[in-house]
Protein backbone atom coordinates (compact mmCIF):
# COMPACT_ATOMS: atom_id res chain seq x y z
CA MET A 1 -114.46 71.97 -89.46
CA PRO A 2 -110.69 71.59 -89.87
CA LEU A 3 -108.74 68.92 -88.05
CA ARG A 4 -106.58 69.88 -85.10
CA PRO A 5 -102.95 68.91 -85.58
CA SER A 6 -103.04 66.52 -82.63
CA ALA A 7 -105.23 64.97 -79.99
CA PRO A 8 -104.33 64.17 -76.40
CA PRO A 9 -102.01 61.15 -76.30
CA ALA A 10 -104.40 59.41 -73.89
CA LEU A 11 -107.14 59.42 -76.56
CA VAL A 12 -104.69 58.05 -79.11
CA LEU A 13 -103.77 55.29 -76.64
CA ALA A 14 -107.46 54.60 -75.93
CA ALA A 15 -108.16 54.29 -79.66
CA GLY A 16 -105.26 51.86 -80.01
CA LEU A 17 -106.32 49.70 -77.07
CA GLY A 18 -109.93 49.66 -78.25
CA THR A 19 -108.80 48.73 -81.74
CA VAL A 20 -106.92 45.71 -80.37
CA HIS A 21 -110.10 44.58 -78.63
CA ALA A 22 -112.20 45.24 -81.73
CA ALA A 23 -109.77 43.48 -84.06
CA SER A 24 -109.93 40.38 -81.88
CA SER A 25 -113.73 40.33 -81.98
CA LEU A 26 -113.75 40.86 -85.75
CA ALA A 27 -111.16 38.12 -86.28
CA TRP A 28 -113.23 35.71 -84.20
CA ALA A 29 -116.32 36.75 -86.17
CA ALA A 30 -114.47 35.71 -89.33
CA GLY A 31 -113.67 32.33 -87.78
CA SER A 32 -110.12 32.86 -86.54
CA PRO A 33 -109.16 30.51 -83.71
CA VAL A 34 -106.33 32.79 -82.51
CA LEU A 35 -106.72 33.32 -78.74
CA ALA A 36 -110.36 32.16 -78.89
CA ALA A 37 -109.66 29.66 -76.10
CA THR A 38 -108.84 32.59 -73.80
CA LEU A 39 -112.52 33.56 -73.86
CA GLY A 40 -113.72 30.26 -72.49
CA GLU A 41 -115.09 26.97 -73.68
CA TRP A 42 -118.58 28.47 -73.98
CA ALA A 43 -117.36 30.85 -76.71
CA THR A 44 -115.68 28.22 -78.84
CA SER A 45 -118.64 25.87 -78.43
CA TRP A 46 -121.08 28.62 -79.42
CA ARG A 47 -119.06 29.43 -82.52
CA ASP A 48 -118.86 25.73 -83.46
CA GLU A 49 -122.59 25.12 -82.90
CA SER A 50 -123.95 28.40 -84.33
CA PRO A 51 -121.27 29.92 -86.58
CA VAL A 52 -123.58 32.41 -88.30
CA ALA A 53 -125.17 33.73 -85.10
CA ALA A 54 -121.82 33.86 -83.31
CA GLY A 55 -120.17 35.53 -86.30
CA LEU A 56 -122.88 38.20 -86.56
CA ALA A 57 -122.83 38.86 -82.81
CA LEU A 58 -119.05 39.10 -82.73
CA ALA A 59 -119.03 41.37 -85.79
CA ALA A 60 -121.54 43.70 -84.12
CA ILE A 61 -119.47 43.69 -80.92
CA GLY A 62 -116.30 44.41 -82.89
CA LEU A 63 -117.89 47.31 -84.74
CA GLY A 64 -119.23 48.70 -81.46
CA LYS A 65 -115.75 48.51 -79.97
CA LEU A 66 -114.30 50.30 -83.01
CA ALA A 67 -116.84 53.10 -82.63
CA ALA A 68 -116.13 53.40 -78.90
CA ALA A 69 -112.41 53.49 -79.64
CA TRP A 70 -112.35 55.99 -82.49
CA VAL A 71 -115.30 58.39 -82.12
CA PRO A 72 -113.84 60.24 -79.09
CA LEU A 73 -110.46 60.59 -80.80
CA LEU A 74 -111.94 61.85 -84.06
CA ALA A 75 -114.21 64.25 -82.17
CA ALA A 76 -111.22 65.62 -80.26
CA ARG A 77 -109.37 66.22 -83.52
CA ARG A 78 -112.37 68.24 -84.73
CA GLY A 79 -112.50 70.50 -81.69
CA GLY A 80 -113.67 68.22 -78.91
CA PRO A 81 -116.65 66.00 -78.25
CA ARG A 82 -119.89 67.91 -77.78
CA HIS A 83 -122.14 67.54 -74.75
CA GLY A 84 -124.10 64.39 -75.68
CA LEU A 85 -121.06 62.63 -77.08
CA ARG A 86 -119.00 63.56 -74.00
CA ILE A 87 -121.65 62.06 -71.72
CA ALA A 88 -121.74 58.87 -73.81
CA ALA A 89 -117.93 58.67 -73.87
CA TRP A 90 -117.74 59.15 -70.09
CA LEU A 91 -120.31 56.37 -69.62
CA VAL A 92 -118.26 54.08 -71.88
CA ALA A 93 -115.07 54.97 -69.97
CA ALA A 94 -116.77 54.26 -66.62
CA ALA A 95 -118.18 50.96 -67.88
CA LEU A 96 -114.80 49.87 -69.26
CA VAL A 97 -113.01 50.72 -66.02
CA LEU A 98 -115.58 49.05 -63.77
CA TYR A 99 -115.91 45.96 -65.97
CA GLY A 100 -112.16 45.63 -66.50
CA LEU A 101 -111.28 46.17 -62.86
CA ALA A 102 -113.95 43.86 -61.44
CA ASN A 103 -113.16 41.04 -63.85
CA THR A 104 -109.39 41.41 -63.57
CA VAL A 105 -109.64 41.18 -59.79
CA ALA A 106 -112.10 38.27 -59.93
CA ALA A 107 -110.07 36.30 -62.46
CA ASN A 108 -106.83 36.80 -60.54
CA LEU A 109 -108.58 35.81 -57.32
CA ALA A 110 -109.84 32.69 -59.09
CA LEU A 111 -106.27 31.85 -60.11
CA THR A 112 -105.23 31.87 -56.45
CA GLY A 113 -107.84 29.21 -55.72
CA GLY A 114 -109.78 31.63 -53.54
CA LEU A 115 -112.99 30.99 -55.46
CA GLY A 116 -112.60 27.24 -55.67
CA PRO A 117 -111.14 25.03 -58.39
CA VAL A 118 -110.65 26.57 -61.82
CA GLU A 119 -112.24 24.50 -64.58
CA ASP A 120 -110.97 26.45 -67.60
CA LEU A 121 -107.47 27.64 -66.72
CA VAL A 122 -106.72 29.04 -70.19
CA ALA A 123 -109.85 31.21 -70.16
CA VAL A 124 -109.31 32.45 -66.61
CA ARG A 125 -105.70 33.38 -67.43
CA GLY A 126 -106.90 35.10 -70.60
CA HIS A 127 -109.32 37.22 -68.60
CA ALA A 128 -106.93 37.82 -65.70
CA TRP A 129 -103.92 38.79 -67.72
CA LEU A 130 -105.13 39.94 -71.15
CA TRP A 131 -108.73 40.84 -71.96
CA ASP A 132 -109.93 42.39 -68.71
CA PRO A 133 -106.76 44.39 -67.99
CA LEU A 134 -107.01 45.61 -71.60
CA PHE A 135 -110.57 46.81 -70.92
CA LEU A 136 -109.34 48.54 -67.76
CA ALA A 137 -106.42 50.26 -69.53
CA TRP A 138 -108.70 51.33 -72.39
CA GLY A 139 -111.20 52.85 -69.97
CA LEU A 140 -108.52 54.66 -67.97
CA ALA A 141 -106.93 56.07 -71.13
CA LEU A 142 -110.32 57.18 -72.45
CA ALA A 143 -111.15 58.90 -69.14
CA ALA A 144 -107.77 60.64 -69.07
CA GLY A 145 -108.24 61.84 -72.65
CA LEU A 146 -111.76 63.08 -71.94
CA ARG A 147 -110.52 64.95 -68.90
CA ARG A 148 -107.79 66.55 -71.00
CA THR A 149 -110.29 67.74 -73.64
CA ARG A 150 -112.84 69.22 -71.26
CA ARG A 151 -113.79 72.81 -71.84
CA ARG A 152 -113.21 75.23 -69.04
CA ARG A 153 -116.05 77.50 -68.07
CA PRO A 154 -115.25 81.18 -68.13
CA THR A 155 -114.78 82.67 -64.68
CA PRO A 156 -116.02 86.09 -63.63
CA GLU A 157 -113.55 88.91 -64.14
CA GLY A 158 -111.21 89.13 -61.20
CA ALA A 159 -111.72 85.56 -60.02
CA ASP A 160 -108.85 83.20 -59.44
CA ARG A 161 -109.26 80.52 -62.16
CA ARG A 162 -107.88 77.75 -59.96
CA ARG A 163 -110.12 78.22 -56.96
CA GLY A 164 -112.94 80.50 -58.09
CA VAL A 165 -112.11 83.02 -55.35
CA PRO A 166 -111.94 86.76 -56.01
CA VAL A 167 -108.47 88.16 -56.57
CA VAL A 168 -107.71 91.26 -54.58
CA SER A 169 -105.18 93.52 -56.18
CA ARG A 170 -102.84 95.31 -53.84
CA GLY A 171 -102.03 98.48 -55.66
């Protein structure tokens, strides 16, 4: 099937945001320390104590993120995601939005002191201001792109496409 010349900008944005998340996971899998402290002490300790297990887990997570980022965009460029893929993509979008929103709110609430003292300020700031808002933005962009690529069902002849009500001609 030939490629469409373009895909909805929201799916392009979703692919970009997901790629940023995936690239971070893959870099950490390879041992990069860049921004690793923003995940939390548990993550850096795990990588130090079990580098192979942590590396394999992070690589799998990174590859999963890449798939979630790019499959909907590539499907849209080939004519739109089909039924099963659309359902999966909507589930991913919903999960990203819910996870990103809940954790962004919780981390920002923690920064106010509303949840008690913060033990790992770098990690909480990383979740409040970087990783969780990025999940939220990715999910919202994916949902917007999926909405833009939905197929419209044909309406009966003479029905108003916007409301599904019969159109009466006044001739």
